[in-house]
Amino acid sequence: MTDAARDLLRKALEMDDAERAALAAELLASLSSDSAGFDEQEPDPAWVAEIERRAAAAAADPEGGIPWEQAREEILARLRRPT
């Protein structure tokens, strides 16, 4: 990720939930299937398997994971580190 992208992400993470959701939706909508590297009609089997694995793990342990506040702080700390 470039410094500019990292800076943009840092700013986006400071937005409230509604603003971030709207931004994410706009960014995703701006990607074409070709540029995003996926085919909606025939997704990569490895990608499907990984999503299914993660979904099953989350369903098996609904209390697992960490609170959003902690995750956000960890993400921001990683973004602050020089590359």
N, C-alpha and C. Protein backbone atom coordinates (compact mmCIF):
# COMPACT_ATOMS: atom_id res chain seq x y z
N MET A 1 0.85 -1.17 0.00
CA MET A 1 0.00 0.00 0.00
C MET A 1 0.89 1.23 0.00
N THR A 2 0.55 2.18 -0.81
CA THR A 2 1.34 3.40 -0.89
C THR A 2 1.10 4.27 0.34
N ASP A 3 1.99 5.24 0.55
CA ASP A 3 1.80 6.17 1.66
C ASP A 3 0.50 6.95 1.51
N ALA A 4 0.19 7.34 0.27
CA ALA A 4 -1.06 8.08 0.03
C ALA A 4 -2.27 7.24 0.38
N ALA A 5 -2.25 5.97 0.01
CA ALA A 5 -3.37 5.08 0.33
C ALA A 5 -3.46 4.86 1.84
N ARG A 6 -2.33 4.71 2.50
CA ARG A 6 -2.30 4.52 3.95
C ARG A 6 -2.88 5.75 4.64
N ASP A 7 -2.52 6.93 4.15
CA ASP A 7 -3.03 8.19 4.72
C ASP A 7 -4.54 8.28 4.52
N LEU A 8 -4.99 7.91 3.34
CA LEU A 8 -6.42 7.94 3.05
C LEU A 8 -7.17 6.96 3.96
N LEU A 9 -6.63 5.77 4.15
CA LEU A 9 -7.25 4.79 5.03
C LEU A 9 -7.31 5.32 6.46
N ARG A 10 -6.23 5.92 6.91
CA ARG A 10 -6.19 6.48 8.26
C ARG A 10 -7.32 7.50 8.43
N LYS A 11 -7.50 8.36 7.43
CA LYS A 11 -8.56 9.37 7.50
C LYS A 11 -9.93 8.71 7.45
N ALA A 12 -10.08 7.70 6.62
CA ALA A 12 -11.37 7.01 6.52
C ALA A 12 -11.74 6.33 7.83
N LEU A 13 -10.77 5.78 8.53
CA LEU A 13 -11.04 5.11 9.79
C LEU A 13 -11.47 6.08 10.89
N GLU A 14 -11.24 7.36 10.68
CA GLU A 14 -11.69 8.37 11.64
C GLU A 14 -13.15 8.76 11.43
N MET A 15 -13.74 8.36 10.30
CA MET A 15 -15.13 8.68 9.99
C MET A 15 -16.06 7.84 10.86
N ASP A 16 -17.32 8.33 10.98
CA ASP A 16 -18.29 7.52 11.71
C ASP A 16 -18.73 6.35 10.83
N ASP A 17 -19.44 5.41 11.43
CA ASP A 17 -19.82 4.18 10.72
C ASP A 17 -20.56 4.45 9.42
N ALA A 18 -21.52 5.36 9.45
CA ALA A 18 -22.32 5.62 8.25
C ALA A 18 -21.46 6.19 7.11
N GLU A 19 -20.56 7.11 7.45
CA GLU A 19 -19.67 7.67 6.43
C GLU A 19 -18.76 6.60 5.84
N ARG A 20 -18.18 5.76 6.71
CA ARG A 20 -17.29 4.70 6.23
C ARG A 20 -18.04 3.71 5.35
N ALA A 21 -19.26 3.35 5.74
CA ALA A 21 -20.05 2.41 4.95
C ALA A 21 -20.36 2.99 3.58
N ALA A 22 -20.72 4.26 3.54
CA ALA A 22 -21.02 4.90 2.26
C ALA A 22 -19.77 4.97 1.38
N LEU A 23 -18.63 5.31 1.99
CA LEU A 23 -17.37 5.36 1.25
C LEU A 23 -17.00 3.99 0.71
N ALA A 24 -17.12 2.97 1.55
CA ALA A 24 -16.79 1.61 1.13
C ALA A 24 -17.68 1.17 -0.03
N ALA A 25 -18.96 1.47 0.06
CA ALA A 25 -19.89 1.10 -1.01
C ALA A 25 -19.52 1.79 -2.32
N GLU A 26 -19.18 3.06 -2.24
CA GLU A 26 -18.79 3.80 -3.45
C GLU A 26 -17.51 3.23 -4.05
N LEU A 27 -16.53 2.92 -3.20
CA LEU A 27 -15.28 2.36 -3.70
C LEU A 27 -15.50 1.00 -4.36
N LEU A 28 -16.28 0.15 -3.71
CA LEU A 28 -16.56 -1.16 -4.29
C LEU A 28 -17.32 -1.04 -5.60
N ALA A 29 -18.28 -0.14 -5.64
CA ALA A 29 -19.07 0.05 -6.86
C ALA A 29 -18.21 0.58 -8.01
N SER A 30 -17.12 1.27 -7.67
CA SER A 30 -16.26 1.84 -8.71
C SER A 30 -15.36 0.80 -9.38
N LEU A 31 -15.24 -0.40 -8.77
CA LEU A 31 -14.38 -1.43 -9.33
C LEU A 31 -15.12 -2.21 -10.42
N SER A 32 -14.44 -2.41 -11.52
CA SER A 32 -15.01 -3.27 -12.55
C SER A 32 -14.56 -4.69 -12.26
N SER A 33 -15.27 -5.66 -12.75
CA SER A 33 -14.88 -7.05 -12.54
C SER A 33 -13.48 -7.30 -13.06
N ASP A 34 -13.14 -6.71 -14.19
CA ASP A 34 -11.82 -6.91 -14.77
C ASP A 34 -10.72 -6.32 -13.89
N SER A 35 -10.92 -5.10 -13.41
CA SER A 35 -9.87 -4.45 -12.62
C SER A 35 -9.76 -5.04 -11.22
N ALA A 36 -10.84 -5.59 -10.71
CA ALA A 36 -10.82 -6.15 -9.36
C ALA A 36 -10.24 -7.55 -9.33
N GLY A 37 -10.08 -8.16 -10.48
CA GLY A 37 -9.48 -9.48 -10.54
C GLY A 37 -10.43 -10.60 -10.15
N PHE A 38 -11.74 -10.38 -10.34
CA PHE A 38 -12.67 -11.46 -10.04
C PHE A 38 -13.77 -11.52 -11.09
N ASP A 39 -14.35 -12.68 -11.19
CA ASP A 39 -15.45 -12.93 -12.11
C ASP A 39 -16.66 -13.30 -11.27
N GLU A 40 -17.68 -12.44 -11.27
CA GLU A 40 -18.85 -12.69 -10.44
C GLU A 40 -19.56 -13.98 -10.82
N GLN A 41 -19.48 -14.38 -12.07
CA GLN A 41 -20.15 -15.60 -12.50
C GLN A 41 -19.38 -16.86 -12.11
N GLU A 42 -18.06 -16.77 -12.08
CA GLU A 42 -17.22 -17.93 -11.74
C GLU A 42 -16.11 -17.48 -10.79
N PRO A 43 -16.44 -17.34 -9.50
CA PRO A 43 -15.41 -16.90 -8.55
C PRO A 43 -14.31 -17.95 -8.40
N ASP A 44 -13.15 -17.51 -8.02
CA ASP A 44 -12.00 -18.38 -7.80
C ASP A 44 -12.35 -19.39 -6.70
N PRO A 45 -12.23 -20.69 -6.97
CA PRO A 45 -12.57 -21.70 -5.97
C PRO A 45 -11.79 -21.55 -4.67
N ALA A 46 -10.54 -21.12 -4.74
CA ALA A 46 -9.75 -20.93 -3.53
C ALA A 46 -10.34 -19.80 -2.68
N TRP A 47 -10.81 -18.75 -3.33
CA TRP A 47 -11.42 -17.63 -2.63
C TRP A 47 -12.72 -18.08 -1.95
N VAL A 48 -13.54 -18.83 -2.67
CA VAL A 48 -14.79 -19.34 -2.11
C VAL A 48 -14.50 -20.24 -0.91
N ALA A 49 -13.52 -21.12 -1.02
CA ALA A 49 -13.16 -22.02 0.07
C ALA A 49 -12.70 -21.23 1.30
N GLU A 50 -11.92 -20.19 1.08
CA GLU A 50 -11.43 -19.38 2.19
C GLU A 50 -12.58 -18.65 2.88
N ILE A 51 -13.49 -18.08 2.11
CA ILE A 51 -14.64 -17.39 2.69
C ILE A 51 -15.50 -18.37 3.48
N GLU A 52 -15.72 -19.55 2.92
CA GLU A 52 -16.51 -20.57 3.62
C GLU A 52 -15.82 -21.00 4.92
N ARG A 53 -14.50 -21.15 4.88
CA ARG A 53 -13.75 -21.54 6.08
C ARG A 53 -13.89 -20.47 7.16
N ARG A 54 -13.74 -19.22 6.77
CA ARG A 54 -13.83 -18.14 7.75
C ARG A 54 -15.25 -18.01 8.30
N ALA A 55 -16.25 -18.16 7.45
CA ALA A 55 -17.63 -18.09 7.90
C ALA A 55 -17.93 -19.21 8.89
N ALA A 56 -17.47 -20.43 8.59
CA ALA A 56 -17.69 -21.57 9.48
C ALA A 56 -17.00 -21.33 10.82
N ALA A 57 -15.79 -20.80 10.80
CA ALA A 57 -15.06 -20.54 12.04
C ALA A 57 -15.79 -19.48 12.87
N ALA A 58 -16.30 -18.45 12.23
CA ALA A 58 -17.03 -17.41 12.95
C ALA A 58 -18.33 -17.95 13.53
N ALA A 59 -19.04 -18.78 12.76
CA ALA A 59 -20.30 -19.36 13.22
C ALA A 59 -20.06 -20.33 14.38
N ALA A 60 -18.94 -21.03 14.36
CA ALA A 60 -18.64 -22.00 15.42
C ALA A 60 -18.27 -21.33 16.73
N ASP A 61 -17.80 -20.08 16.67
CA ASP A 61 -17.38 -19.38 17.88
C ASP A 61 -17.89 -17.94 17.84
N PRO A 62 -19.22 -17.74 18.03
CA PRO A 62 -19.77 -16.39 17.91
C PRO A 62 -19.23 -15.40 18.94
N GLU A 63 -18.68 -15.90 20.03
CA GLU A 63 -18.10 -15.01 21.05
C GLU A 63 -16.62 -14.76 20.82
N GLY A 64 -16.05 -15.38 19.77
CA GLY A 64 -14.63 -15.22 19.49
C GLY A 64 -14.32 -13.85 18.93
N GLY A 65 -13.09 -13.65 18.65
CA GLY A 65 -12.67 -12.38 18.09
C GLY A 65 -12.33 -11.38 19.18
N ILE A 66 -12.14 -10.14 18.77
CA ILE A 66 -11.82 -9.08 19.70
C ILE A 66 -12.80 -7.93 19.47
N PRO A 67 -12.99 -7.08 20.46
CA PRO A 67 -13.89 -5.93 20.29
C PRO A 67 -13.39 -5.00 19.19
N TRP A 68 -14.34 -4.34 18.51
CA TRP A 68 -14.00 -3.43 17.42
C TRP A 68 -13.00 -2.37 17.87
N GLU A 69 -13.19 -1.82 19.05
CA GLU A 69 -12.29 -0.76 19.52
C GLU A 69 -10.84 -1.25 19.56
N GLN A 70 -10.65 -2.48 20.04
CA GLN A 70 -9.30 -3.05 20.11
C GLN A 70 -8.76 -3.30 18.70
N ALA A 71 -9.59 -3.86 17.84
CA ALA A 71 -9.16 -4.13 16.46
C ALA A 71 -8.78 -2.83 15.77
N ARG A 72 -9.59 -1.80 15.96
CA ARG A 72 -9.32 -0.50 15.33
C ARG A 72 -7.98 0.06 15.80
N GLU A 73 -7.72 -0.02 17.10
CA GLU A 73 -6.45 0.48 17.63
C GLU A 73 -5.27 -0.31 17.07
N GLU A 74 -5.42 -1.62 16.94
CA GLU A 74 -4.34 -2.44 16.37
C GLU A 74 -4.09 -2.07 14.90
N ILE A 75 -5.17 -1.85 14.16
CA ILE A 75 -5.04 -1.47 12.75
C ILE A 75 -4.35 -0.12 12.63
N LEU A 76 -4.79 0.84 13.43
CA LEU A 76 -4.18 2.18 13.38
C LEU A 76 -2.72 2.13 13.79
N ALA A 77 -2.37 1.30 14.77
CA ALA A 77 -0.98 1.17 15.18
C ALA A 77 -0.13 0.63 14.04
N ARG A 78 -0.67 -0.35 13.32
CA ARG A 78 0.07 -0.90 12.16
C ARG A 78 0.25 0.15 11.08
N LEU A 79 -0.78 0.97 10.87
CA LEU A 79 -0.69 2.00 9.83
C LEU A 79 0.30 3.09 10.20
N ARG A 80 0.48 3.32 11.48
CA ARG A 80 1.42 4.36 11.92
C ARG A 80 2.87 3.94 11.80
N ARG A 81 3.10 2.60 11.77
CA ARG A 81 4.48 2.10 11.68
C ARG A 81 5.09 2.44 10.33
N PRO A 82 6.33 2.88 10.32
CA PRO A 82 6.99 3.13 9.04
C PRO A 82 7.21 1.83 8.28
N THR A 83 7.16 1.92 6.98
CA THR A 83 7.36 0.70 6.15
C THR A 83 8.78 0.62 5.65
